[in-house]
PDB file of N, CA and C in Angstrom:
ATOM      1  N   MET A   1     132.884  38.168 139.873  1.00  0.00           N
ATOM      2  CA  MET A   1     132.061  37.373 140.739  1.00  0.00           C
ATOM      3  C   MET A   1     132.919  36.833 141.873  1.00  0.00           C
ATOM      4  N   GLU A   2     132.536  37.114 143.087  1.00  0.00           N
ATOM      5  CA  GLU A   2     133.278  36.655 144.250  1.00  0.00           C
ATOM      6  C   GLU A   2     132.598  35.407 144.781  1.00  0.00           C
ATOM      7  N   ILE A   3     133.382  34.354 145.005  1.00  0.00           N
ATOM      8  CA  ILE A   3     132.852  33.096 145.506  1.00  0.00           C
ATOM      9  C   ILE A   3     133.429  32.859 146.883  1.00  0.00           C
ATOM     10  N   LYS A   4     132.603  32.488 147.823  1.00  0.00           N
ATOM     11  CA  LYS A   4     133.091  32.187 149.168  1.00  0.00           C
ATOM     12  C   LYS A   4     132.883  30.703 149.445  1.00  0.00           C
ATOM     13  N   ASN A   5     133.829  30.129 150.185  1.00  0.00           N
ATOM     14  CA  ASN A   5     133.685  28.746 150.601  1.00  0.00           C
ATOM     15  C   ASN A   5     132.563  28.651 151.621  1.00  0.00           C
ATOM     16  N   LYS A   6     131.738  27.634 151.492  1.00  0.00           N
ATOM     17  CA  LYS A   6     130.657  27.447 152.454  1.00  0.00           C
ATOM     18  C   LYS A   6     131.206  26.673 153.645  1.00  0.00           C
ATOM     19  N   ALA A   7     130.966  27.178 154.826  1.00  0.00           N
ATOM     20  CA  ALA A   7     131.423  26.527 156.051  1.00  0.00           C
ATOM     21  C   ALA A   7     130.214  26.011 156.814  1.00  0.00           C
ATOM     22  N   ASN A   8     130.435  24.958 157.574  1.00  0.00           N
ATOM     23  CA  ASN A   8     129.364  24.469 158.430  1.00  0.00           C
ATOM     24  C   ASN A   8     129.033  25.523 159.465  1.00  0.00           C
ATOM     25  N   GLU A   9     127.768  25.563 159.900  1.00  0.00           N
ATOM     26  CA  GLU A   9     127.376  26.556 160.899  1.00  0.00           C
ATOM     27  C   GLU A   9     128.185  26.417 162.170  1.00  0.00           C
ATOM     28  N   SER A  10     128.620  25.197 162.468  1.00  0.00           N
ATOM     29  CA  SER A  10     129.402  24.974 163.685  1.00  0.00           C
ATOM     30  C   SER A  10     130.857  25.390 163.499  1.00  0.00           C
ATOM     31  N   ASP A  11     131.274  25.653 162.251  1.00  0.00           N
ATOM     32  CA  ASP A  11     132.648  26.062 161.962  1.00  0.00           C
ATOM     33  C   ASP A  11     132.776  27.559 162.203  1.00  0.00           C
ATOM     34  N   ILE A  12     133.665  27.953 163.133  1.00  0.00           N
ATOM     35  CA  ILE A  12     133.803  29.355 163.518  1.00  0.00           C
ATOM     36  C   ILE A  12     134.815  30.076 162.631  1.00  0.00           C
ATOM     37  N   LYS A  13     135.613  29.359 161.853  1.00  0.00           N
ATOM     38  CA  LYS A  13     136.654  29.969 161.039  1.00  0.00           C
ATOM     39  C   LYS A  13     136.060  30.953 160.032  1.00  0.00           C
ATOM     40  N   ARG A  14     136.804  31.997 159.754  1.00  0.00           N
ATOM     41  CA  ARG A  14     136.413  32.996 158.759  1.00  0.00           C
ATOM     42  C   ARG A  14     136.473  32.364 157.374  1.00  0.00           C
ATOM     43  N   GLU A  15     135.494  32.669 156.532  1.00  0.00           N
ATOM     44  CA  GLU A  15     135.490  32.145 155.178  1.00  0.00           C
ATOM     45  C   GLU A  15     136.613  32.797 154.372  1.00  0.00           C
ATOM     46  N   THR A  16     137.251  32.017 153.515  1.00  0.00           N
ATOM     47  CA  THR A  16     138.338  32.500 152.679  1.00  0.00           C
ATOM     48  C   THR A  16     137.779  32.924 151.333  1.00  0.00           C
ATOM     49  N   ARG A  17     138.148  34.128 150.897  1.00  0.00           N
ATOM     50  CA  ARG A  17     137.679  34.622 149.605  1.00  0.00           C
ATOM     51  C   ARG A  17     138.387  33.896 148.476  1.00  0.00           C
ATOM     52  N   LEU A  18     137.654  33.627 147.418  1.00  0.00           N
ATOM     53  CA  LEU A  18     138.206  33.022 146.211  1.00  0.00           C
ATOM     54  C   LEU A  18     137.970  33.996 145.065  1.00  0.00           C
ATOM     55  N   LEU A  19     139.049  34.457 144.444  1.00  0.00           N
ATOM     56  CA  LEU A  19     138.962  35.406 143.338  1.00  0.00           C
ATOM     57  C   LEU A  19     139.444  34.734 142.063  1.00  0.00           C
ATOM     58  N   GLU A  20     138.815  35.036 140.971  1.00  0.00           N
ATOM     59  CA  GLU A  20     139.294  34.591 139.666  1.00  0.00           C
ATOM     60  C   GLU A  20     140.444  35.500 139.255  1.00  0.00           C
ATOM     61  N   SER A  21     141.458  34.948 138.618  1.00  0.00           N
ATOM     62  CA  SER A  21     142.591  35.771 138.199  1.00  0.00           C
ATOM     63  C   SER A  21     142.139  36.882 137.255  1.00  0.00           C
ATOM     64  N   SER A  22     141.096  36.641 136.495  1.00  0.00           N
ATOM     65  CA  SER A  22     140.594  37.676 135.581  1.00  0.00           C
ATOM     66  C   SER A  22     140.067  38.890 136.343  1.00  0.00           C
ATOM     67  N   GLN A  23     139.629  38.697 137.588  1.00  0.00           N
ATOM     68  CA  GLN A  23     139.198  39.820 138.410  1.00  0.00           C
ATOM     69  C   GLN A  23     140.379  40.711 138.768  1.00  0.00           C
ATOM     70  N   LEU A  24     141.529  40.115 138.976  1.00  0.00           N
ATOM     71  CA  LEU A  24     142.725  40.870 139.336  1.00  0.00           C
ATOM     72  C   LEU A  24     143.401  41.476 138.114  1.00  0.00           C
ATOM     73  N   PHE A  25     143.523  40.700 137.056  1.00  0.00           N
ATOM     74  CA  PHE A  25     144.307  41.117 135.898  1.00  0.00           C
ATOM     75  C   PHE A  25     143.501  41.866 134.846  1.00  0.00           C
ATOM     76  N   GLY A  26     142.218  41.597 134.741  1.00  0.00           N
ATOM     77  CA  GLY A  26     141.446  42.187 133.646  1.00  0.00           C
ATOM     78  C   GLY A  26     142.051  41.732 132.329  1.00  0.00           C
ATOM     79  N   SER A  27     142.400  42.670 131.460  1.00  0.00           N
ATOM     80  CA  SER A  27     143.007  42.320 130.172  1.00  0.00           C
ATOM     81  C   SER A  27     144.537  42.400 130.215  1.00  0.00           C
ATOM     82  N   ASP A  28     145.111  42.697 131.391  1.00  0.00           N
ATOM     83  CA  ASP A  28     146.564  42.807 131.535  1.00  0.00           C
ATOM     84  C   ASP A  28     147.177  41.454 131.870  1.00  0.00           C
ATOM     85  N   ASN A  29     148.486  41.339 131.654  1.00  0.00           N
ATOM     86  CA  ASN A  29     149.226  40.128 132.012  1.00  0.00           C
ATOM     87  C   ASN A  29     150.087  40.337 133.250  1.00  0.00           C
ATOM     88  N   GLU A  30     150.071  41.551 133.798  1.00  0.00           N
ATOM     89  CA  GLU A  30     150.929  41.864 134.933  1.00  0.00           C
ATOM     90  C   GLU A  30     150.249  42.894 135.816  1.00  0.00           C
ATOM     91  N   ILE A  31     150.359  42.678 137.129  1.00  0.00           N
ATOM     92  CA  ILE A  31     149.859  43.651 138.095  1.00  0.00           C
ATOM     93  C   ILE A  31     150.918  43.842 139.171  1.00  0.00           C
ATOM     94  N   MET A  32     150.809  44.949 139.889  1.00  0.00           N
ATOM     95  CA  MET A  32     151.708  45.224 141.012  1.00  0.00           C
ATOM     96  C   MET A  32     150.873  45.167 142.281  1.00  0.00           C
ATOM     97  N   ILE A  33     151.443  44.550 143.318  1.00  0.00           N
ATOM     98  CA  ILE A  33     150.764  44.413 144.603  1.00  0.00           C
ATOM     99  C   ILE A  33     151.665  45.000 145.680  1.00  0.00           C
ATOM    100  N   ARG A  34     151.116  45.922 146.462  1.00  0.00           N
ATOM    101  CA  ARG A  34     151.874  46.482 147.580  1.00  0.00           C
ATOM    102  C   ARG A  34     151.472  45.702 148.836  1.00  0.00           C
ATOM    103  N   HIS A  35     152.477  45.187 149.552  1.00  0.00           N
ATOM    104  CA  HIS A  35     152.240  44.429 150.779  1.00  0.00           C
ATOM    105  C   HIS A  35     153.264  44.852 151.817  1.00  0.00           C
ATOM    106  N   GLN A  36     152.787  45.429 152.903  1.00  0.00           N
ATOM    107  CA  GLN A  36     153.635  45.870 154.016  1.00  0.00           C
ATOM    108  C   GLN A  36     154.807  46.721 153.531  1.00  0.00           C
ATOM    109  N   GLY A  37     154.520  47.645 152.616  1.00  0.00           N
ATOM    110  CA  GLY A  37     155.530  48.582 152.151  1.00  0.00           C
ATOM    111  C   GLY A  37     156.390  48.092 150.999  1.00  0.00           C
ATOM    112  N   SER A  38     156.318  46.831 150.659  1.00  0.00           N
ATOM    113  CA  SER A  38     157.074  46.298 149.521  1.00  0.00           C
ATOM    114  C   SER A  38     156.135  46.128 148.336  1.00  0.00           C
ATOM    115  N   VAL A  39     156.687  46.268 147.133  1.00  0.00           N
ATOM    116  CA  VAL A  39     155.903  46.107 145.919  1.00  0.00           C
ATOM    117  C   VAL A  39     156.304  44.806 145.245  1.00  0.00           C
ATOM    118  N   TYR A  40     155.315  44.006 144.892  1.00  0.00           N
ATOM    119  CA  TYR A  40     155.518  42.730 144.232  1.00  0.00           C
ATOM    120  C   TYR A  40     154.886  42.772 142.851  1.00  0.00           C
ATOM    121  N   ARG A  41     155.493  42.091 141.904  1.00  0.00           N
ATOM    122  CA  ARG A  41     154.958  41.997 140.551  1.00  0.00           C
ATOM    123  C   ARG A  41     154.390  40.599 140.372  1.00  0.00           C
ATOM    124  N   LEU A  42     153.141  40.513 139.977  1.00  0.00           N
ATOM    125  CA  LEU A  42     152.486  39.240 139.707  1.00  0.00           C
ATOM    126  C   LEU A  42     152.150  39.226 138.230  1.00  0.00           C
ATOM    127  N   ARG A  43     152.633  38.199 137.520  1.00  0.00           N
ATOM    128  CA  ARG A  43     152.384  38.161 136.089  1.00  0.00           C
ATOM    129  C   ARG A  43     151.959  36.771 135.630  1.00  0.00           C
ATOM    130  N   ILE A  44     151.274  36.767 134.498  1.00  0.00           N
ATOM    131  CA  ILE A  44     150.863  35.525 133.853  1.00  0.00           C
ATOM    132  C   ILE A  44     151.869  35.246 132.742  1.00  0.00           C
ATOM    133  N   THR A  45     152.475  34.061 132.760  1.00  0.00           N
ATOM    134  CA  THR A  45     153.468  33.705 131.741  1.00  0.00           C
ATOM    135  C   THR A  45     152.772  33.301 130.435  1.00  0.00           C
ATOM    136  N   ARG A  46     153.570  33.104 129.399  1.00  0.00           N
ATOM    137  CA  ARG A  46     153.029  32.631 128.112  1.00  0.00           C
ATOM    138  C   ARG A  46     152.371  31.268 128.242  1.00  0.00           C
ATOM    139  N   ASN A  47     152.804  30.492 129.240  1.00  0.00           N
ATOM    140  CA  ASN A  47     152.232  29.154 129.461  1.00  0.00           C
ATOM    141  C   ASN A  47     151.061  29.179 130.419  1.00  0.00           C
ATOM    142  N   GLY A  48     150.625  30.387 130.854  1.00  0.00           N
ATOM    143  CA  GLY A  48     149.472  30.496 131.715  1.00  0.00           C
ATOM    144  C   GLY A  48     149.754  30.301 133.193  1.00  0.00           C
ATOM    145  N   LYS A  49     151.020  30.273 133.585  1.00  0.00           N
ATOM    146  CA  LYS A  49     151.393  30.132 134.994  1.00  0.00           C
ATOM    147  C   LYS A  49     151.473  31.503 135.644  1.00  0.00           C
ATOM    148  N   LEU A  50     151.341  31.534 136.967  1.00  0.00           N
ATOM    149  CA  LEU A  50     151.498  32.784 137.721  1.00  0.00           C
ATOM    150  C   LEU A  50     152.887  32.821 138.345  1.00  0.00           C
ATOM    151  N   ILE A  51     153.561  33.962 138.183  1.00  0.00           N
ATOM    152  CA  ILE A  51     154.887  34.173 138.756  1.00  0.00           C
ATOM    153  C   ILE A  51     154.858  35.457 139.559  1.00  0.00           C
ATOM    154  N   MET A  52     155.367  35.408 140.804  1.00  0.00           N
ATOM    155  CA  MET A  52     155.446  36.605 141.633  1.00  0.00           C
ATOM    156  C   MET A  52     156.900  36.901 141.939  1.00  0.00           C
ATOM    157  N   ASN A  53     157.300  38.172 141.740  1.00  0.00           N
ATOM    158  CA  ASN A  53     158.651  38.623 142.045  1.00  0.00           C
ATOM    159  C   ASN A  53     158.582  39.859 142.924  1.00  0.00           C
ATOM    160  N   LYS A  54     159.570  39.993 143.792  1.00  0.00           N
ATOM    161  CA  LYS A  54     159.678  41.180 144.639  1.00  0.00           C
ATOM    162  C   LYS A  54     160.477  42.231 143.912  1.00  0.00           C
TER     163      LYS A  54
END
């Protein structure tokens, strides 16, 4: 489920997407993200925190 922030009609700024981590991870604890040619690892720790490493 994708949730978008509601902006006032007079607000011209683009709405920012809000994703649930479960949408990204599914049943996994780690995903890889490619950004501008570099690969980053995003993982959920045992304590439920998010850690990103290059």
